[in-house]
Amino acid sequence: MWLPACAVGGVAAVLCLFRLDRRSYWTDEAFNVVLVREDWGTFLRTIAKQEPSQAVYLVLFNPWVALVGEGEWLTWLPSVVAAALAAALLVDLGRRLFDARIGAVAGVLLACNAAVVEGSQYTRTYSLAVLAAVVPSELYLRARLSPD
């Protein structure tokens, strides 16, 4: 049951990692990396004033950077993981809603989507937003279909 989802997640990870280091940070990404250096008070005030759409991502990103450092590749990695998880979970979601074949096709289409791949290569909230669209649907469906 989990093999197709893991395979699609792996494909998504490979596609998202492909040429990950082809460029350096752009302005918004650099701002995120610099912002997480601030103390928590300044960090949260700046998010509230300048980056409210990035709030969840930045609050999760802060301890990640503290743990692994500010290397470009390392700061892009959480976005890659979020995109791969979204594709893998979409396989299971499609399987539950329709059948295994449709779930696999849906996951592969998400994994191969150019916008998803590109978004996963930024230190921004794009991949987390995709994951945030899939996870509640998956959780709702699991709760709805669970025997009580």
N, C-alpha and C. Protein backbone atom coordinates (compact mmCIF):
# COMPACT_ATOMS: atom_id res chain seq x y z
N MET A 1 0.83 -1.20 0.00
CA MET A 1 0.00 0.00 0.00
C MET A 1 0.87 1.26 0.00
N TRP A 2 1.98 1.26 0.73
CA TRP A 2 2.81 2.45 0.81
C TRP A 2 3.90 2.49 -0.26
N LEU A 3 4.12 1.39 -0.96
CA LEU A 3 5.19 1.35 -1.95
C LEU A 3 4.98 2.38 -3.07
N PRO A 4 3.78 2.47 -3.67
CA PRO A 4 3.60 3.50 -4.71
C PRO A 4 3.80 4.92 -4.18
N ALA A 5 3.31 5.18 -2.98
CA ALA A 5 3.46 6.52 -2.40
C ALA A 5 4.94 6.83 -2.16
N CYS A 6 5.69 5.86 -1.65
CA CYS A 6 7.13 6.07 -1.43
C CYS A 6 7.86 6.26 -2.75
N ALA A 7 7.47 5.49 -3.76
CA ALA A 7 8.11 5.63 -5.08
C ALA A 7 7.85 7.01 -5.66
N VAL A 8 6.63 7.47 -5.58
CA VAL A 8 6.29 8.80 -6.11
C VAL A 8 7.00 9.88 -5.30
N GLY A 9 7.04 9.73 -3.99
CA GLY A 9 7.77 10.68 -3.16
C GLY A 9 9.25 10.71 -3.52
N GLY A 10 9.81 9.55 -3.81
CA GLY A 10 11.20 9.48 -4.24
C GLY A 10 11.43 10.17 -5.57
N VAL A 11 10.51 9.94 -6.52
CA VAL A 11 10.61 10.62 -7.83
C VAL A 11 10.53 12.13 -7.63
N ALA A 12 9.59 12.57 -6.80
CA ALA A 12 9.45 14.00 -6.53
C ALA A 12 10.73 14.56 -5.92
N ALA A 13 11.31 13.85 -4.97
CA ALA A 13 12.55 14.32 -4.34
C ALA A 13 13.68 14.43 -5.35
N VAL A 14 13.81 13.43 -6.22
CA VAL A 14 14.86 13.47 -7.23
C VAL A 14 14.66 14.65 -8.17
N LEU A 15 13.43 14.85 -8.62
CA LEU A 15 13.15 15.97 -9.52
C LEU A 15 13.40 17.32 -8.84
N CYS A 16 13.01 17.42 -7.59
CA CYS A 16 13.19 18.68 -6.87
C CYS A 16 14.66 18.95 -6.53
N LEU A 17 15.43 17.89 -6.35
CA LEU A 17 16.85 18.04 -6.05
C LEU A 17 17.70 18.28 -7.30
N PHE A 18 17.14 17.95 -8.47
CA PHE A 18 17.89 18.08 -9.71
C PHE A 18 18.29 19.53 -9.94
N ARG A 19 19.57 19.77 -10.06
CA ARG A 19 20.13 21.10 -10.28
C ARG A 19 19.70 22.10 -9.20
N LEU A 20 19.56 21.62 -8.01
CA LEU A 20 19.15 22.48 -6.89
C LEU A 20 20.13 23.63 -6.68
N ASP A 21 21.39 23.39 -6.98
CA ASP A 21 22.40 24.42 -6.74
C ASP A 21 22.71 25.25 -7.98
N ARG A 22 21.80 25.30 -8.93
CA ARG A 22 22.04 26.01 -10.19
C ARG A 22 22.08 27.53 -10.03
N ARG A 23 21.60 28.03 -8.93
CA ARG A 23 21.55 29.47 -8.72
C ARG A 23 21.75 29.75 -7.24
N SER A 24 21.94 31.01 -6.93
CA SER A 24 22.05 31.42 -5.54
C SER A 24 20.71 31.97 -5.07
N TYR A 25 20.67 32.44 -3.84
CA TYR A 25 19.43 33.02 -3.31
C TYR A 25 18.98 34.21 -4.15
N TRP A 26 17.71 34.40 -4.26
CA TRP A 26 17.19 35.65 -4.75
C TRP A 26 16.79 36.47 -3.54
N THR A 27 16.41 37.71 -3.72
CA THR A 27 16.24 38.68 -2.63
C THR A 27 15.35 38.18 -1.51
N ASP A 28 14.18 37.66 -1.82
CA ASP A 28 13.25 37.21 -0.78
C ASP A 28 13.80 36.04 0.03
N GLU A 29 14.51 35.14 -0.65
CA GLU A 29 15.11 34.02 0.07
C GLU A 29 16.20 34.52 1.01
N ALA A 30 17.03 35.40 0.52
CA ALA A 30 18.11 35.96 1.35
C ALA A 30 17.50 36.68 2.56
N PHE A 31 16.39 37.38 2.36
CA PHE A 31 15.72 38.06 3.47
C PHE A 31 15.30 37.04 4.53
N ASN A 32 14.76 35.90 4.11
CA ASN A 32 14.34 34.86 5.06
C ASN A 32 15.53 34.35 5.87
N VAL A 33 16.65 34.11 5.20
CA VAL A 33 17.82 33.59 5.89
C VAL A 33 18.38 34.62 6.87
N VAL A 34 18.39 35.87 6.48
CA VAL A 34 18.87 36.93 7.37
C VAL A 34 17.89 37.12 8.53
N LEU A 35 16.61 37.03 8.24
CA LEU A 35 15.58 37.24 9.27
C LEU A 35 15.69 36.22 10.40
N VAL A 36 16.01 34.98 10.09
CA VAL A 36 16.07 33.96 11.16
C VAL A 36 17.27 34.16 12.08
N ARG A 37 18.17 35.07 11.77
CA ARG A 37 19.29 35.39 12.66
C ARG A 37 18.85 36.28 13.82
N GLU A 38 17.72 36.94 13.66
CA GLU A 38 17.24 37.90 14.67
C GLU A 38 16.77 37.17 15.92
N ASP A 39 16.72 37.91 17.04
CA ASP A 39 16.14 37.34 18.25
C ASP A 39 14.64 37.13 18.00
N TRP A 40 14.02 36.28 18.82
CA TRP A 40 12.63 35.89 18.56
C TRP A 40 11.67 37.07 18.55
N GLY A 41 11.87 38.04 19.41
CA GLY A 41 10.98 39.21 19.45
C GLY A 41 11.01 39.98 18.14
N THR A 42 12.21 40.33 17.69
CA THR A 42 12.37 41.04 16.42
C THR A 42 11.89 40.18 15.27
N PHE A 43 12.21 38.91 15.32
CA PHE A 43 11.81 37.95 14.30
C PHE A 43 10.29 37.94 14.13
N LEU A 44 9.56 37.80 15.23
CA LEU A 44 8.10 37.72 15.15
C LEU A 44 7.48 39.06 14.75
N ARG A 45 8.03 40.18 15.22
CA ARG A 45 7.51 41.50 14.82
C ARG A 45 7.71 41.72 13.32
N THR A 46 8.87 41.35 12.82
CA THR A 46 9.15 41.52 11.39
C THR A 46 8.22 40.65 10.55
N ILE A 47 7.98 39.44 10.99
CA ILE A 47 7.04 38.57 10.27
C ILE A 47 5.66 39.22 10.24
N ALA A 48 5.21 39.71 11.38
CA ALA A 48 3.88 40.32 11.46
C ALA A 48 3.76 41.54 10.55
N LYS A 49 4.83 42.34 10.46
CA LYS A 49 4.78 43.57 9.67
C LYS A 49 5.07 43.35 8.19
N GLN A 50 6.01 42.45 7.86
CA GLN A 50 6.49 42.36 6.49
C GLN A 50 6.20 41.04 5.79
N GLU A 51 6.07 39.95 6.53
CA GLU A 51 5.96 38.63 5.91
C GLU A 51 4.85 37.78 6.52
N PRO A 52 3.64 38.31 6.71
CA PRO A 52 2.61 37.48 7.36
C PRO A 52 2.24 36.23 6.56
N SER A 53 2.37 36.28 5.25
CA SER A 53 2.05 35.10 4.44
C SER A 53 3.08 34.00 4.61
N GLN A 54 4.25 34.33 5.12
CA GLN A 54 5.33 33.37 5.32
C GLN A 54 5.44 32.92 6.78
N ALA A 55 4.50 33.33 7.63
CA ALA A 55 4.64 33.15 9.07
C ALA A 55 4.89 31.70 9.48
N VAL A 56 4.05 30.78 9.04
CA VAL A 56 4.20 29.38 9.45
C VAL A 56 5.53 28.84 8.95
N TYR A 57 5.83 29.12 7.70
CA TYR A 57 7.10 28.64 7.13
C TYR A 57 8.28 29.17 7.92
N LEU A 58 8.29 30.47 8.21
CA LEU A 58 9.43 31.07 8.90
C LEU A 58 9.57 30.58 10.33
N VAL A 59 8.46 30.35 11.01
CA VAL A 59 8.53 29.83 12.38
C VAL A 59 9.10 28.41 12.39
N LEU A 60 8.81 27.63 11.35
CA LEU A 60 9.40 26.29 11.23
C LEU A 60 10.84 26.36 10.71
N PHE A 61 11.11 27.34 9.87
CA PHE A 61 12.42 27.50 9.25
C PHE A 61 13.48 27.95 10.26
N ASN A 62 13.09 28.76 11.22
CA ASN A 62 14.03 29.29 12.21
C ASN A 62 14.79 28.19 12.94
N PRO A 63 14.10 27.22 13.56
CA PRO A 63 14.87 26.17 14.25
C PRO A 63 15.65 25.27 13.28
N TRP A 64 15.15 25.11 12.06
CA TRP A 64 15.88 24.32 11.06
C TRP A 64 17.25 24.95 10.79
N VAL A 65 17.25 26.24 10.55
CA VAL A 65 18.51 26.94 10.28
C VAL A 65 19.42 26.90 11.50
N ALA A 66 18.83 27.05 12.68
CA ALA A 66 19.64 26.97 13.91
C ALA A 66 20.28 25.59 14.05
N LEU A 67 19.59 24.56 13.59
CA LEU A 67 20.09 23.19 13.71
C LEU A 67 21.14 22.84 12.66
N VAL A 68 20.88 23.21 11.38
CA VAL A 68 21.76 22.75 10.30
C VAL A 68 22.64 23.84 9.70
N GLY A 69 22.33 25.09 9.96
CA GLY A 69 23.14 26.18 9.41
C GLY A 69 22.48 26.86 8.23
N GLU A 70 23.20 27.81 7.64
CA GLU A 70 22.65 28.67 6.61
C GLU A 70 23.12 28.35 5.20
N GLY A 71 23.70 27.20 4.99
CA GLY A 71 24.12 26.82 3.65
C GLY A 71 22.94 26.79 2.70
N GLU A 72 23.13 27.28 1.51
CA GLU A 72 22.02 27.38 0.56
C GLU A 72 21.32 26.04 0.37
N TRP A 73 22.08 25.01 0.09
CA TRP A 73 21.49 23.71 -0.18
C TRP A 73 20.67 23.24 1.02
N LEU A 74 21.20 23.44 2.22
CA LEU A 74 20.50 23.01 3.43
C LEU A 74 19.23 23.81 3.68
N THR A 75 19.23 25.08 3.30
CA THR A 75 18.02 25.87 3.52
C THR A 75 16.95 25.58 2.48
N TRP A 76 17.35 25.04 1.33
CA TRP A 76 16.35 24.65 0.32
C TRP A 76 15.74 23.28 0.64
N LEU A 77 16.43 22.48 1.41
CA LEU A 77 16.00 21.11 1.67
C LEU A 77 14.59 20.97 2.27
N PRO A 78 14.18 21.79 3.24
CA PRO A 78 12.81 21.63 3.77
C PRO A 78 11.73 21.79 2.70
N SER A 79 11.95 22.66 1.74
CA SER A 79 10.98 22.82 0.65
C SER A 79 10.92 21.59 -0.23
N VAL A 80 12.08 20.99 -0.47
CA VAL A 80 12.13 19.75 -1.26
C VAL A 80 11.37 18.64 -0.53
N VAL A 81 11.60 18.51 0.76
CA VAL A 81 10.94 17.48 1.55
C VAL A 81 9.42 17.70 1.56
N ALA A 82 8.99 18.94 1.70
CA ALA A 82 7.55 19.23 1.69
C ALA A 82 6.91 18.85 0.36
N ALA A 83 7.57 19.15 -0.74
CA ALA A 83 7.03 18.79 -2.06
C ALA A 83 6.97 17.27 -2.23
N ALA A 84 8.01 16.56 -1.80
CA ALA A 84 8.03 15.10 -1.91
C ALA A 84 6.94 14.47 -1.04
N LEU A 85 6.76 15.00 0.17
CA LEU A 85 5.69 14.50 1.04
C LEU A 85 4.31 14.76 0.44
N ALA A 86 4.12 15.92 -0.14
CA ALA A 86 2.83 16.24 -0.75
C ALA A 86 2.51 15.27 -1.87
N ALA A 87 3.49 14.97 -2.72
CA ALA A 87 3.26 14.03 -3.82
C ALA A 87 2.96 12.64 -3.29
N ALA A 88 3.70 12.20 -2.28
CA ALA A 88 3.47 10.87 -1.71
C ALA A 88 2.10 10.78 -1.05
N LEU A 89 1.72 11.79 -0.30
CA LEU A 89 0.40 11.78 0.34
C LEU A 89 -0.74 11.86 -0.66
N LEU A 90 -0.49 12.54 -1.77
CA LEU A 90 -1.52 12.62 -2.81
C LEU A 90 -1.80 11.25 -3.41
N VAL A 91 -0.79 10.40 -3.49
CA VAL A 91 -1.00 9.03 -3.98
C VAL A 91 -2.00 8.32 -3.08
N ASP A 92 -1.79 8.40 -1.77
CA ASP A 92 -2.71 7.74 -0.84
C ASP A 92 -4.09 8.38 -0.86
N LEU A 93 -4.13 9.68 -0.96
CA LEU A 93 -5.42 10.38 -1.01
C LEU A 93 -6.21 9.95 -2.25
N GLY A 94 -5.55 9.92 -3.40
CA GLY A 94 -6.22 9.48 -4.63
C GLY A 94 -6.67 8.04 -4.56
N ARG A 95 -5.85 7.20 -3.93
CA ARG A 95 -6.22 5.78 -3.75
C ARG A 95 -7.46 5.65 -2.89
N ARG A 96 -7.52 6.41 -1.83
CA ARG A 96 -8.68 6.34 -0.94
C ARG A 96 -9.95 6.88 -1.61
N LEU A 97 -9.79 7.93 -2.39
CA LEU A 97 -10.97 8.53 -3.04
C LEU A 97 -11.43 7.74 -4.26
N PHE A 98 -10.47 7.21 -5.02
CA PHE A 98 -10.81 6.56 -6.29
C PHE A 98 -10.24 5.14 -6.34
N ASP A 99 -9.01 5.00 -6.79
CA ASP A 99 -8.33 3.71 -6.77
C ASP A 99 -6.82 3.94 -6.84
N ALA A 100 -6.07 2.85 -6.76
CA ALA A 100 -4.61 2.96 -6.69
C ALA A 100 -4.01 3.59 -7.95
N ARG A 101 -4.57 3.28 -9.10
CA ARG A 101 -4.03 3.82 -10.34
C ARG A 101 -4.20 5.34 -10.40
N ILE A 102 -5.38 5.81 -10.06
CA ILE A 102 -5.63 7.25 -10.08
C ILE A 102 -4.77 7.95 -9.04
N GLY A 103 -4.60 7.34 -7.88
CA GLY A 103 -3.73 7.92 -6.86
C GLY A 103 -2.30 8.05 -7.35
N ALA A 104 -1.80 7.00 -8.00
CA ALA A 104 -0.43 7.04 -8.52
C ALA A 104 -0.28 8.10 -9.60
N VAL A 105 -1.25 8.18 -10.49
CA VAL A 105 -1.19 9.19 -11.56
C VAL A 105 -1.22 10.59 -10.97
N ALA A 106 -2.09 10.81 -10.00
CA ALA A 106 -2.18 12.14 -9.36
C ALA A 106 -0.85 12.51 -8.69
N GLY A 107 -0.26 11.56 -7.98
CA GLY A 107 1.02 11.82 -7.32
C GLY A 107 2.13 12.11 -8.31
N VAL A 108 2.18 11.34 -9.40
CA VAL A 108 3.21 11.57 -10.42
C VAL A 108 3.02 12.92 -11.09
N LEU A 109 1.76 13.27 -11.37
CA LEU A 109 1.51 14.57 -12.00
C LEU A 109 1.93 15.72 -11.09
N LEU A 110 1.69 15.58 -9.80
CA LEU A 110 2.14 16.62 -8.87
C LEU A 110 3.67 16.64 -8.80
N ALA A 111 4.28 15.47 -8.74
CA ALA A 111 5.74 15.39 -8.64
C ALA A 111 6.42 15.99 -9.87
N CYS A 112 5.80 15.84 -11.02
CA CYS A 112 6.39 16.32 -12.28
C CYS A 112 5.96 17.73 -12.66
N ASN A 113 5.09 18.32 -11.89
CA ASN A 113 4.61 19.66 -12.19
C ASN A 113 5.76 20.67 -12.08
N ALA A 114 6.00 21.39 -13.14
CA ALA A 114 7.14 22.32 -13.18
C ALA A 114 7.05 23.38 -12.09
N ALA A 115 5.85 23.88 -11.82
CA ALA A 115 5.71 24.91 -10.78
C ALA A 115 6.01 24.34 -9.40
N VAL A 116 5.62 23.10 -9.16
CA VAL A 116 5.90 22.47 -7.88
C VAL A 116 7.41 22.23 -7.73
N VAL A 117 8.04 21.73 -8.79
CA VAL A 117 9.48 21.50 -8.75
C VAL A 117 10.23 22.80 -8.54
N GLU A 118 9.87 23.82 -9.29
CA GLU A 118 10.56 25.11 -9.13
C GLU A 118 10.31 25.70 -7.74
N GLY A 119 9.08 25.66 -7.28
CA GLY A 119 8.76 26.19 -5.96
C GLY A 119 9.49 25.47 -4.84
N SER A 120 9.78 24.19 -5.06
CA SER A 120 10.48 23.41 -4.03
C SER A 120 11.96 23.78 -3.95
N GLN A 121 12.44 24.55 -4.90
CA GLN A 121 13.84 24.93 -4.92
C GLN A 121 14.07 26.34 -4.38
N TYR A 122 13.08 26.85 -3.66
CA TYR A 122 13.18 28.17 -3.04
C TYR A 122 13.05 28.06 -1.53
N THR A 123 13.68 28.97 -0.84
CA THR A 123 13.54 29.07 0.61
C THR A 123 12.34 29.98 0.88
N ARG A 124 11.19 29.48 0.46
CA ARG A 124 9.93 30.21 0.62
C ARG A 124 8.85 29.19 0.96
N THR A 125 7.63 29.65 1.12
CA THR A 125 6.55 28.81 1.63
C THR A 125 5.81 27.99 0.57
N TYR A 126 6.23 28.06 -0.69
CA TYR A 126 5.46 27.45 -1.77
C TYR A 126 5.19 25.97 -1.57
N SER A 127 6.20 25.19 -1.28
CA SER A 127 6.02 23.74 -1.09
C SER A 127 5.21 23.44 0.16
N LEU A 128 5.41 24.21 1.19
CA LEU A 128 4.64 24.02 2.41
C LEU A 128 3.16 24.29 2.14
N ALA A 129 2.85 25.24 1.27
CA ALA A 129 1.45 25.52 0.91
C ALA A 129 0.83 24.34 0.17
N VAL A 130 1.60 23.72 -0.71
CA VAL A 130 1.10 22.53 -1.42
C VAL A 130 0.85 21.41 -0.43
N LEU A 131 1.79 21.19 0.46
CA LEU A 131 1.62 20.16 1.49
C LEU A 131 0.42 20.48 2.39
N ALA A 132 0.25 21.75 2.70
CA ALA A 132 -0.87 22.17 3.55
C ALA A 132 -2.22 22.00 2.85
N ALA A 133 -2.23 21.87 1.55
CA ALA A 133 -3.48 21.58 0.84
C ALA A 133 -3.79 20.09 0.86
N VAL A 134 -2.77 19.27 0.85
CA VAL A 134 -2.97 17.82 0.79
C VAL A 134 -3.24 17.22 2.18
N VAL A 135 -2.50 17.65 3.18
CA VAL A 135 -2.59 17.04 4.51
C VAL A 135 -3.99 17.12 5.11
N PRO A 136 -4.66 18.27 5.13
CA PRO A 136 -6.00 18.30 5.73
C PRO A 136 -6.99 17.39 4.99
N SER A 137 -6.85 17.31 3.68
CA SER A 137 -7.74 16.42 2.92
C SER A 137 -7.48 14.97 3.31
N GLU A 138 -6.22 14.60 3.41
CA GLU A 138 -5.85 13.24 3.81
C GLU A 138 -6.36 12.94 5.23
N LEU A 139 -6.16 13.87 6.15
CA LEU A 139 -6.61 13.66 7.52
C LEU A 139 -8.13 13.57 7.62
N TYR A 140 -8.81 14.42 6.89
CA TYR A 140 -10.28 14.38 6.89
C TYR A 140 -10.77 13.03 6.37
N LEU A 141 -10.20 12.60 5.27
CA LEU A 141 -10.63 11.34 4.67
C LEU A 141 -10.32 10.16 5.59
N ARG A 142 -9.18 10.17 6.23
CA ARG A 142 -8.85 9.10 7.18
C ARG A 142 -9.86 9.08 8.33
N ALA A 143 -10.18 10.26 8.85
CA ALA A 143 -11.15 10.32 9.95
C ALA A 143 -12.54 9.89 9.49
N ARG A 144 -12.90 10.28 8.32
CA ARG A 144 -14.24 9.96 7.78
C ARG A 144 -14.39 8.46 7.50
N LEU A 145 -13.31 7.83 7.05
CA LEU A 145 -13.38 6.42 6.69
C LEU A 145 -13.00 5.48 7.81
N SER A 146 -12.54 6.01 8.94
CA SER A 146 -12.12 5.13 10.04
C SER A 146 -13.35 4.55 10.73
N PRO A 147 -13.25 3.27 11.08
CA PRO A 147 -14.37 2.67 11.81
C PRO A 147 -14.40 3.18 13.25
N ASP A 148 -15.53 3.71 13.67
CA ASP A 148 -15.65 4.23 15.04
C ASP A 148 -16.38 3.27 15.91
